[in-house]
Amino acid sequence: MAKKRILACLMATLVAGSLFVGCGGASGSDSKGGKEITIWTKVKDGEMKTIEEQAKAWGEKTGNTVKVVNDEGGFQDYLQAANSSKGPDIYIGMPHDNLASFYEAGLLEEIPDGKFDKSKYSSESVWNATSFEGKNYAIPLAQETVALFYNKDKVKEAPKTMEELIEIAKKDGDGFQIDLGNFYITGGIVQTLGGYIFGGEQGALKADDIGLANDGSIKGYQFLADLVKKHKLMPEDITGDIASTNFKEGKSTFYISGPWDVEQFEQAKLNFGVAPVPTIDGKDYKSFLGVQTAFVSAKSENKDLAFDFLSELIDNKSEELFKVGNRIPVLNDVLASDAIKENKYLQGFVDQSKVAVPMPNILEMQAVWNATSQITRVYKGEDAKKVAEDIVSAVKKGIETQQ
């Protein structure tokens, strides 16, 4: 019932959006004796240029034309445009956890069997992230996760276990700092210690099976509180900005974050390294995995051409897209390239991605981001079990509001 009511709301938006006026079109109009396909992108400038280069080459090869448009609107704008004649044939740069809205609205075209060789990809996880009910509806282009940043002037190498990290950090005073209020960061600790968000498997998640109050989750919340109360490594109200600034200024030894922080630390001329997040209780750290994707619109009249273009883009431009986008590649041959080996920070993220868990790609995940802000209550001394129960209640209420 929940799914049907969510879909009904989406379709109401789409009907209203049929009057949407935007760039491009999935009309399949002839251009210079061939077809014209339109691509919307939400990528960096360098990536956009690379896509345009491939579009020109593919067009010359096939006799078709490609229109590449930078999507400056929000994802809801795409929801409106996609159901009209103004929508694109292809969208490039969609985070996998935003796909659910489009899937529920029937706007994603299923990936044809055999069109993309999954054995060439780094893991099953990157494809699982794009699946719904056992079928794939988007193509993985890049992946993203967090890793451990460490100050090389303070430690020669990264610790392998969280227990070792904590001992080193305690000797350094404020040696380990993270964004304690951000579940994208702290969720890795919860999942590593046995907590989970939704039951089932990616592509067939069960929103009525919420694991955020099981024994593992409670243990995870208490572990986070111990970083504040027991080990006294950071204040209970620490923010991401404070944690990153303290690491950048050399005040802390360890910091967990993503590749987006590399540039600012380089500019600060900090002597740092990046490594997989240490194990906890002997278990690999289950950070969240995000996947950047491309998909073909179910409304496109040029689906075969669209998939053909994406196939050639991936075959010809994946390494170049990595170089200009500085994202973690998903193809094995790019991961084995000299470009990766020469990047002294990327390998830590690559290694961490191998044990990362895809963020749930269902609509109900939005309720989780809101509810898990309550974890901070445990840092203030509240009972972890009671807070866990309240989090699950909040998730359920949040899901109800979506119905």
Protein backbone atom coordinates (compact mmCIF):
# COMPACT_ATOMS: atom_id res chain seq x y z
CA MET A 1 0.00 0.00 0.00
CA ALA A 2 2.81 2.39 0.89
CA LYS A 3 4.45 1.87 -2.47
CA LYS A 4 1.18 2.53 -4.30
CA ARG A 5 0.51 5.76 -2.46
CA ILE A 6 4.06 7.01 -2.96
CA LEU A 7 3.72 6.23 -6.66
CA ALA A 8 0.39 8.04 -6.80
CA CYS A 9 2.01 11.17 -5.40
CA LEU A 10 4.82 10.92 -7.91
CA MET A 11 2.44 10.49 -10.80
CA ALA A 12 0.48 13.54 -9.69
CA THR A 13 3.71 15.49 -9.88
CA LEU A 14 4.41 14.08 -13.32
CA VAL A 15 0.99 14.95 -14.68
CA ALA A 16 1.50 18.51 -13.52
CA GLY A 17 4.95 18.37 -15.06
CA SER A 18 3.63 17.52 -18.50
CA LEU A 19 3.59 21.26 -19.13
CA PHE A 20 7.25 21.54 -18.11
CA VAL A 21 9.35 23.44 -20.60
CA GLY A 22 13.02 22.53 -20.63
CA CYS A 23 16.03 21.74 -22.74
CA GLY A 24 16.35 18.82 -25.12
CA GLY A 25 13.85 16.13 -25.90
CA ALA A 26 13.27 12.40 -26.16
CA SER A 27 11.28 12.81 -29.33
CA GLY A 28 13.59 10.96 -31.67
CA SER A 29 13.58 13.78 -34.20
CA ASP A 30 15.69 13.42 -37.32
CA SER A 31 18.83 15.52 -37.55
CA LYS A 32 21.07 15.54 -40.62
CA GLY A 33 19.48 12.33 -41.86
CA GLY A 34 19.79 10.56 -38.50
CA LYS A 35 18.38 10.65 -35.03
CA GLU A 36 19.02 13.14 -32.27
CA ILE A 37 19.44 11.98 -28.70
CA THR A 38 19.54 14.32 -25.74
CA ILE A 39 21.62 13.82 -22.62
CA TRP A 40 21.16 15.62 -19.33
CA THR A 41 24.16 15.60 -17.03
CA LYS A 42 24.85 16.54 -13.43
CA VAL A 43 28.63 16.24 -13.40
CA LYS A 44 31.77 18.36 -13.04
CA ASP A 45 32.90 20.67 -15.85
CA GLY A 46 35.75 18.39 -16.91
CA GLU A 47 33.43 15.40 -17.05
CA MET A 48 30.93 17.38 -19.10
CA LYS A 49 33.63 18.20 -21.65
CA THR A 50 34.65 14.53 -21.88
CA ILE A 51 31.04 13.48 -22.47
CA GLU A 52 30.71 16.13 -25.19
CA GLU A 53 33.84 14.81 -26.90
CA GLN A 54 32.43 11.29 -26.96
CA ALA A 55 29.08 12.62 -28.16
CA LYS A 56 30.76 14.29 -31.13
CA ALA A 57 32.80 11.18 -31.99
CA TRP A 58 29.80 8.86 -31.67
CA GLY A 59 27.66 11.19 -33.76
CA GLU A 60 30.22 11.29 -36.57
CA LYS A 61 30.53 7.51 -36.48
CA THR A 62 26.80 6.75 -36.52
CA GLY A 63 25.39 9.69 -38.46
CA ASN A 64 23.32 10.76 -35.46
CA THR A 65 23.59 13.87 -33.32
CA VAL A 66 23.84 14.20 -29.56
CA LYS A 67 22.75 17.19 -27.53
CA VAL A 68 24.44 17.41 -24.10
CA VAL A 69 22.75 19.64 -21.54
CA ASN A 70 23.96 20.59 -18.07
CA ASP A 71 21.05 19.96 -15.70
CA GLU A 72 21.03 22.91 -13.31
CA GLY A 73 17.73 21.98 -11.69
CA GLY A 74 16.92 19.57 -8.91
CA PHE A 75 16.07 15.91 -9.33
CA GLN A 76 12.38 16.76 -8.92
CA ASP A 77 12.68 18.89 -12.06
CA TYR A 78 13.79 15.79 -13.94
CA LEU A 79 10.77 13.92 -12.60
CA GLN A 80 8.56 16.50 -14.26
CA ALA A 81 10.47 16.79 -17.52
CA ALA A 82 10.94 13.06 -18.03
CA ASN A 83 7.23 12.49 -18.49
CA SER A 84 7.00 15.09 -21.22
CA SER A 85 8.40 15.52 -24.71
CA LYS A 86 11.06 17.77 -23.18
CA GLY A 87 12.77 15.02 -21.23
CA PRO A 88 16.18 13.59 -22.19
CA ASP A 89 16.95 10.16 -23.60
CA ILE A 90 19.87 9.70 -21.18
CA TYR A 91 20.72 11.02 -17.74
CA ILE A 92 24.36 10.92 -16.58
CA GLY A 93 25.40 11.62 -13.00
CA MET A 94 22.52 10.33 -10.88
CA PRO A 95 23.43 8.99 -7.40
CA HIS A 96 22.03 5.49 -7.05
CA ASP A 97 20.10 6.32 -3.88
CA ASN A 98 18.03 8.83 -5.89
CA LEU A 99 16.90 6.25 -8.45
CA ALA A 100 13.92 4.95 -6.48
CA SER A 101 11.66 7.91 -7.26
CA PHE A 102 12.21 7.41 -10.98
CA TYR A 103 11.80 3.64 -10.76
CA GLU A 104 8.51 3.94 -8.89
CA ALA A 105 7.28 6.38 -11.54
CA GLY A 106 8.20 4.00 -14.38
CA LEU A 107 10.84 6.31 -15.83
CA LEU A 108 13.84 3.95 -15.90
CA GLU A 109 14.45 1.61 -18.83
CA GLU A 110 15.70 -1.84 -17.84
CA ILE A 111 19.29 -2.56 -18.89
CA PRO A 112 19.26 -5.07 -21.79
CA ASP A 113 20.74 -8.46 -20.93
CA GLY A 114 24.34 -8.80 -22.07
CA LYS A 115 24.74 -5.15 -23.06
CA PHE A 116 27.29 -4.49 -20.32
CA ASP A 117 29.80 -7.10 -19.13
CA LYS A 118 29.42 -7.15 -15.34
CA SER A 119 32.59 -9.23 -14.95
CA LYS A 120 34.58 -6.12 -15.90
CA TYR A 121 33.36 -4.27 -12.82
CA SER A 122 35.04 -4.06 -9.43
CA SER A 123 32.27 -5.75 -7.45
CA GLU A 124 28.71 -6.99 -7.55
CA SER A 125 27.83 -4.19 -5.14
CA VAL A 126 28.03 -1.47 -7.78
CA TRP A 127 25.46 -3.30 -9.89
CA ASN A 128 23.32 -4.30 -6.90
CA ALA A 129 23.03 -0.60 -6.09
CA THR A 130 21.17 -0.06 -9.38
CA SER A 131 18.77 -2.98 -9.05
CA PHE A 132 15.09 -3.13 -8.21
CA GLU A 133 13.27 -6.44 -7.84
CA GLY A 134 16.25 -8.29 -9.26
CA LYS A 135 16.65 -6.20 -12.42
CA ASN A 136 19.14 -3.43 -13.24
CA TYR A 137 17.90 -0.03 -14.35
CA ALA A 138 21.06 2.09 -14.37
CA ILE A 139 24.73 1.68 -15.26
CA PRO A 140 27.45 2.25 -12.65
CA LEU A 141 29.93 4.94 -13.68
CA ALA A 142 31.84 5.64 -10.47
CA GLN A 143 31.69 4.84 -6.77
CA GLU A 144 32.23 6.74 -3.56
CA THR A 145 32.86 5.87 0.06
CA VAL A 146 34.71 7.19 3.08
CA ALA A 147 38.16 6.15 4.27
CA LEU A 148 40.63 6.97 7.04
CA PHE A 149 42.75 10.08 6.69
CA TYR A 150 45.87 10.04 8.86
CA ASN A 151 48.57 12.60 9.60
CA LYS A 152 51.94 11.21 8.47
CA ASP A 153 53.82 13.63 10.70
CA LYS A 154 52.18 11.97 13.71
CA VAL A 155 52.08 8.30 12.64
CA LYS A 156 54.16 6.45 10.07
CA GLU A 157 51.32 4.23 8.88
CA ALA A 158 47.62 3.82 9.40
CA PRO A 159 46.46 1.46 12.17
CA LYS A 160 44.80 -1.76 11.10
CA THR A 161 42.33 -1.98 13.99
CA MET A 162 40.05 0.59 15.60
CA GLU A 163 41.30 -0.52 19.00
CA GLU A 164 44.84 0.45 18.00
CA LEU A 165 43.63 3.73 16.52
CA ILE A 166 41.87 4.70 19.75
CA GLU A 167 44.95 4.02 21.86
CA ILE A 168 47.13 6.13 19.57
CA ALA A 169 44.52 8.88 19.47
CA LYS A 170 44.18 9.00 23.26
CA LYS A 171 47.90 9.60 23.62
CA ASP A 172 47.53 12.51 21.22
CA GLY A 173 44.63 14.04 23.15
CA ASP A 174 42.14 14.95 20.41
CA GLY A 175 43.68 12.43 18.06
CA PHE A 176 40.54 11.12 16.37
CA GLN A 177 37.65 13.31 15.24
CA ILE A 178 34.66 12.69 12.96
CA ASP A 179 31.31 14.25 12.14
CA LEU A 180 29.36 12.55 14.94
CA GLY A 181 26.01 13.96 13.83
CA ASN A 182 26.23 12.59 10.28
CA PHE A 183 24.87 9.06 9.84
CA TYR A 184 26.62 8.80 6.48
CA ILE A 185 29.82 8.77 8.56
CA THR A 186 28.69 7.04 11.77
CA GLY A 187 26.51 4.46 10.01
CA GLY A 188 29.63 2.51 9.13
CA ILE A 189 30.33 1.85 12.81
CA VAL A 190 26.72 0.78 13.39
CA GLN A 191 26.74 -1.61 10.43
CA THR A 192 30.16 -3.04 11.29
CA LEU A 193 29.00 -3.97 14.78
CA GLY A 194 25.95 -5.83 13.47
CA GLY A 195 23.32 -3.17 12.95
CA TYR A 196 21.42 -2.85 9.69
CA ILE A 197 18.96 -0.43 8.15
CA PHE A 198 16.49 -2.53 6.20
CA GLY A 199 16.26 -6.29 5.91
CA GLY A 200 16.47 -8.19 2.65
CA GLU A 201 18.99 -7.53 -0.11
CA GLN A 202 19.72 -4.54 -2.30
CA GLY A 203 17.10 -4.54 -5.01
CA ALA A 204 14.65 -6.32 -2.73
CA LEU A 205 14.89 -4.41 0.55
CA LYS A 206 12.15 -4.79 3.16
CA ALA A 207 11.17 -1.42 4.58
CA ASP A 208 9.10 -3.08 7.30
CA ASP A 209 12.21 -4.82 8.67
CA ILE A 210 14.14 -2.03 10.40
CA GLY A 211 17.34 -3.11 12.15
CA LEU A 212 18.31 0.14 13.84
CA ALA A 213 17.35 -1.13 17.30
CA ASN A 214 18.91 -4.59 17.19
CA ASP A 215 21.81 -5.54 19.47
CA GLY A 216 24.40 -4.55 16.86
CA SER A 217 22.93 -1.09 16.37
CA ILE A 218 22.75 -0.48 20.11
CA LYS A 219 26.37 -1.58 20.40
CA GLY A 220 27.26 0.84 17.61
CA TYR A 221 25.54 3.79 19.28
CA GLN A 222 27.35 3.02 22.53
CA PHE A 223 30.67 2.72 20.70
CA LEU A 224 30.14 6.22 19.33
CA ALA A 225 29.22 7.54 22.77
CA ASP A 226 32.38 5.99 24.21
CA LEU A 227 34.48 8.03 21.79
CA VAL A 228 33.06 11.08 23.57
CA LYS A 229 32.52 10.01 27.19
CA LYS A 230 34.97 7.18 27.82
CA HIS A 231 37.88 7.99 25.55
CA LYS A 232 37.28 11.77 25.51
CA LEU A 233 38.47 12.12 21.91
CA MET A 234 35.94 14.71 20.77
CA PRO A 235 33.10 16.85 22.11
CA GLU A 236 29.55 15.54 21.81
CA ASP A 237 28.52 18.43 19.55
CA ILE A 238 31.42 18.23 17.09
CA THR A 239 30.48 19.06 13.51
CA GLY A 240 31.97 17.99 10.21
CA ASP A 241 33.48 21.43 9.65
CA ILE A 242 35.21 21.40 13.02
CA ALA A 243 36.51 17.85 12.57
CA SER A 244 37.92 18.57 9.11
CA THR A 245 39.47 21.88 10.19
CA ASN A 246 41.17 20.27 13.18
CA PHE A 247 42.66 17.60 10.93
CA LYS A 248 43.69 20.14 8.30
CA GLU A 249 45.45 22.24 10.94
CA GLY A 250 47.29 19.22 12.33
CA LYS A 251 45.40 19.18 15.63
CA SER A 252 44.10 15.62 15.19
CA THR A 253 45.79 12.48 13.91
CA PHE A 254 42.86 10.60 12.38
CA TYR A 255 39.73 11.64 10.52
CA ILE A 256 37.09 9.70 8.54
CA SER A 257 35.66 11.32 5.42
CA GLY A 258 35.42 11.03 1.65
CA PRO A 259 37.50 12.00 -1.39
CA TRP A 260 35.90 15.46 -1.46
CA ASP A 261 38.24 16.47 1.40
CA VAL A 262 41.48 15.56 -0.37
CA GLU A 263 41.83 18.85 -2.24
CA GLN A 264 41.57 21.09 0.82
CA PHE A 265 44.19 19.06 2.69
CA GLU A 266 46.52 19.19 -0.30
CA GLN A 267 46.08 22.95 -0.54
CA ALA A 268 46.94 23.22 3.16
CA LYS A 269 50.17 21.30 2.38
CA LEU A 270 49.27 18.72 5.01
CA ASN A 271 51.40 15.57 5.06
CA PHE A 272 48.63 12.98 5.07
CA GLY A 273 47.69 9.56 3.79
CA VAL A 274 44.45 7.70 3.09
CA ALA A 275 43.79 4.10 4.11
CA PRO A 276 40.82 1.79 4.64
CA VAL A 277 39.00 2.44 7.89
CA PRO A 278 40.38 0.04 10.54
CA THR A 279 38.48 -3.09 11.52
CA ILE A 280 36.32 -3.15 14.64
CA ASP A 281 36.27 -6.36 16.69
CA GLY A 282 38.06 -8.02 13.78
CA LYS A 283 35.32 -7.10 11.30
CA ASP A 284 35.81 -5.11 8.09
CA TYR A 285 34.43 -1.60 8.34
CA LYS A 286 31.09 -1.45 6.51
CA SER A 287 31.03 2.12 5.27
CA PHE A 288 28.27 3.31 2.97
CA LEU A 289 28.88 2.94 -0.76
CA GLY A 290 27.46 5.49 -3.16
CA VAL A 291 27.35 4.81 -6.90
CA GLN A 292 27.20 7.45 -9.63
CA THR A 293 25.03 6.14 -12.45
CA ALA A 294 23.69 6.75 -15.93
CA PHE A 295 20.33 5.55 -17.20
CA VAL A 296 18.10 5.58 -20.24
CA SER A 297 14.64 7.08 -19.95
CA ALA A 298 11.74 4.68 -20.34
CA LYS A 299 10.05 7.47 -22.31
CA SER A 300 12.84 7.68 -24.89
CA GLU A 301 12.03 6.76 -28.49
CA ASN A 302 15.73 6.07 -29.09
CA LYS A 303 16.49 3.50 -26.42
CA ASP A 304 18.79 1.32 -28.53
CA LEU A 305 20.82 4.32 -29.66
CA ALA A 306 20.98 5.60 -26.10
CA PHE A 307 22.35 2.33 -24.75
CA ASP A 308 24.79 2.14 -27.65
CA PHE A 309 26.12 5.61 -26.81
CA LEU A 310 26.53 4.75 -23.12
CA SER A 311 28.35 1.55 -24.01
CA GLU A 312 30.85 3.47 -26.13
CA LEU A 313 31.23 6.19 -23.51
CA ILE A 314 32.17 3.59 -20.91
CA ASP A 315 34.50 1.72 -23.27
CA ASN A 316 36.30 4.82 -24.53
CA LYS A 317 36.20 7.44 -21.79
CA SER A 318 36.14 5.74 -18.37
CA GLU A 319 39.79 6.45 -17.55
CA GLU A 320 39.53 10.03 -18.78
CA LEU A 321 36.37 10.56 -16.73
CA PHE A 322 38.28 9.37 -13.67
CA LYS A 323 41.12 11.81 -14.33
CA VAL A 324 38.88 14.85 -14.67
CA GLY A 325 36.27 13.84 -12.10
CA ASN A 326 38.54 12.38 -9.40
CA ARG A 327 35.96 9.74 -8.57
CA ILE A 328 36.63 6.11 -7.70
CA PRO A 329 36.35 4.02 -10.91
CA VAL A 330 34.17 0.93 -11.13
CA LEU A 331 35.91 -0.82 -14.03
CA ASN A 332 38.73 -3.24 -13.25
CA ASP A 333 40.93 -2.12 -16.13
CA VAL A 334 40.78 1.50 -14.98
CA LEU A 335 41.49 0.47 -11.40
CA ALA A 336 44.59 -1.35 -12.67
CA SER A 337 45.78 1.60 -14.77
CA ASP A 338 48.84 3.74 -14.18
CA ALA A 339 46.55 6.70 -13.50
CA ILE A 340 45.30 4.96 -10.37
CA LYS A 341 48.72 3.75 -9.29
CA GLU A 342 50.10 7.28 -9.59
CA ASN A 343 47.36 8.72 -7.37
CA LYS A 344 48.74 8.48 -3.83
CA TYR A 345 45.39 9.03 -2.13
CA LEU A 346 42.89 7.07 -4.20
CA GLN A 347 43.98 3.53 -3.33
CA GLY A 348 42.76 3.87 0.24
CA PHE A 349 39.27 4.66 -1.01
CA VAL A 350 39.46 1.85 -3.57
CA ASP A 351 40.38 -0.68 -0.89
CA GLN A 352 37.62 0.57 1.40
CA SER A 353 35.05 0.37 -1.39
CA LYS A 354 35.61 -3.39 -1.62
CA VAL A 355 33.97 -3.91 1.79
CA ALA A 356 31.51 -1.01 1.67
CA VAL A 357 27.74 -1.54 1.68
CA PRO A 358 25.52 0.24 -0.89
CA MET A 359 23.22 2.82 0.64
CA PRO A 360 19.63 1.55 0.49
CA ASN A 361 18.09 2.72 -2.78
CA ILE A 362 14.45 2.72 -1.69
CA LEU A 363 12.33 5.81 -1.01
CA GLU A 364 11.95 4.92 2.66
CA MET A 365 15.64 5.67 3.26
CA GLN A 366 14.81 9.37 3.56
CA ALA A 367 13.09 8.65 6.86
CA VAL A 368 16.29 7.04 8.15
CA TRP A 369 18.46 10.12 7.54
CA ASN A 370 16.05 12.21 9.59
CA ALA A 371 15.55 9.72 12.42
CA THR A 372 19.21 8.86 13.00
CA SER A 373 19.96 12.43 14.05
CA GLN A 374 18.73 11.19 17.44
CA ILE A 375 21.92 9.16 17.93
CA THR A 376 23.46 12.32 19.40
CA ARG A 377 21.25 11.81 22.47
CA VAL A 378 23.43 8.85 23.43
CA TYR A 379 26.49 11.11 23.43
CA LYS A 380 24.75 13.20 26.08
CA GLY A 381 24.32 10.17 28.34
CA GLU A 382 20.89 8.82 27.38
CA ASP A 383 20.35 5.06 27.30
CA ALA A 384 21.40 3.60 23.95
CA LYS A 385 18.58 1.03 23.90
CA LYS A 386 15.89 3.66 24.54
CA VAL A 387 17.33 5.92 21.85
CA ALA A 388 17.46 2.97 19.43
CA GLU A 389 13.78 2.25 20.00
CA ASP A 390 12.93 5.91 19.44
CA ILE A 391 14.93 5.92 16.19
CA VAL A 392 12.94 2.97 14.83
CA SER A 393 9.68 4.63 15.85
CA ALA A 394 10.76 7.80 14.07
CA VAL A 395 11.65 5.85 10.93
CA LYS A 396 8.22 4.20 10.91
CA LYS A 397 6.47 7.55 11.37
CA GLY A 398 8.60 9.07 8.62
CA ILE A 399 7.62 6.28 6.25
CA GLU A 400 3.96 6.79 7.11
CA THR A 401 4.18 10.44 6.08
CA GLN A 402 5.35 9.30 2.64
CA GLN A 403 2.19 7.25 2.14
